[in-house]
Amino acid sequence: MTDVEIEYCVPCGFLDRAENVQHVLLTTFGEKLDTVTLRTGANGVFRVSVNDERVYDKQDDAFDVDEIVRRVRDHV
C-alpha cells in the first residue's frame, strides 16, 4: 500500500507545480499507488511524502520532477 502526499503553498501559487507532480506520479506508477493527495499549506512549503516519510522538501532540494519520481520509485 503506497500513499503519496504533496503539500504545497497556496499563497505562493504552487498548485500548478503540485498538480504536475501528481499527474506524473499517477502516469508513471498507476495502480501501484493507492493515493496521491494534494494538501494545502503556506509559508513557501512544497513537500512530497510517501507513507508519511518525506522524500522531497523544497527547502532542501532543487525542484526537479524527475528526481521526485526517482525518490518515490524507491518506495513503490
Protein backbone atom coordinates (compact mmCIF):
# COMPACT_ATOMS: atom_id res chain seq x y z
CA MET A 1 0.00 0.00 0.00
CA THR A 2 1.60 3.27 -1.13
CA ASP A 3 0.22 6.69 -0.26
CA VAL A 4 1.80 9.88 -1.56
CA GLU A 5 1.08 13.33 -0.17
CA ILE A 6 2.09 16.55 -1.89
CA GLU A 7 1.90 19.57 0.40
CA TYR A 8 2.10 22.88 -1.43
CA CYS A 9 1.96 26.59 -0.58
CA VAL A 10 -1.31 28.13 -1.76
CA PRO A 11 -0.27 31.82 -1.45
CA CYS A 12 2.93 31.06 -3.41
CA GLY A 13 0.93 29.70 -6.34
CA PHE A 14 2.42 26.19 -6.20
CA LEU A 15 -0.85 24.47 -7.19
CA ASP A 16 0.26 24.04 -10.81
CA ARG A 17 3.55 22.53 -9.67
CA ALA A 18 1.73 20.16 -7.27
CA GLU A 19 -0.74 19.09 -9.96
CA ASN A 20 2.12 18.46 -12.38
CA VAL A 21 3.92 16.20 -9.88
CA GLN A 22 0.64 14.43 -9.10
CA HIS A 23 -0.02 13.81 -12.81
CA VAL A 24 3.48 12.50 -13.47
CA LEU A 25 3.34 10.15 -10.48
CA LEU A 26 -0.07 8.77 -11.46
CA THR A 27 1.03 8.36 -15.08
CA THR A 28 4.29 6.68 -14.10
CA PHE A 29 3.11 4.37 -11.33
CA GLY A 30 -0.62 3.98 -11.99
CA GLU A 31 -2.21 1.26 -9.87
CA LYS A 32 0.92 0.84 -7.76
CA LEU A 33 -0.18 3.95 -5.85
CA ASP A 34 -3.20 3.86 -3.58
CA THR A 35 -3.48 7.64 -3.22
CA VAL A 36 -1.75 10.79 -4.40
CA THR A 37 -3.15 13.54 -2.20
CA LEU A 38 -2.74 17.29 -2.56
CA ARG A 39 -2.59 19.09 0.78
CA THR A 40 -2.72 22.85 1.08
CA GLY A 41 -0.09 24.70 3.05
CA ALA A 42 1.56 28.09 3.45
CA ASN A 43 4.94 29.73 4.14
CA GLY A 44 6.58 28.50 0.92
CA VAL A 45 6.10 24.81 1.61
CA PHE A 46 6.43 22.21 -1.12
CA ARG A 47 6.98 18.70 0.21
CA VAL A 48 6.39 15.19 -1.06
CA SER A 49 5.95 12.30 1.36
CA VAL A 50 5.49 8.59 0.74
CA ASN A 51 3.76 6.63 3.50
CA ASP A 52 4.43 9.56 5.86
CA GLU A 53 8.17 9.58 5.06
CA ARG A 54 9.37 12.83 3.47
CA VAL A 55 11.18 12.20 0.19
CA TYR A 56 11.37 15.78 -1.10
CA ASP A 57 11.38 19.23 0.51
CA LYS A 58 11.80 22.43 -1.50
CA GLN A 59 13.85 23.94 1.31
CA ASP A 60 16.48 21.19 0.97
CA ASP A 61 16.41 20.30 -2.73
CA ALA A 62 16.11 21.98 -6.12
CA PHE A 63 12.74 21.36 -7.80
CA ASP A 64 13.14 18.50 -10.29
CA VAL A 65 10.14 16.36 -11.19
CA ASP A 66 12.33 13.53 -12.46
CA GLU A 67 14.21 13.42 -9.15
CA ILE A 68 10.94 13.37 -7.20
CA VAL A 69 9.76 10.43 -9.34
CA ARG A 70 13.04 8.57 -8.66
CA ARG A 71 12.65 9.12 -4.92
CA VAL A 72 9.03 7.93 -4.96
CA ARG A 73 10.06 4.90 -7.05
CA ASP A 74 12.35 3.78 -4.21
CA HIS A 75 9.21 3.36 -2.06
CA VAL A 76 6.82 1.81 -4.60
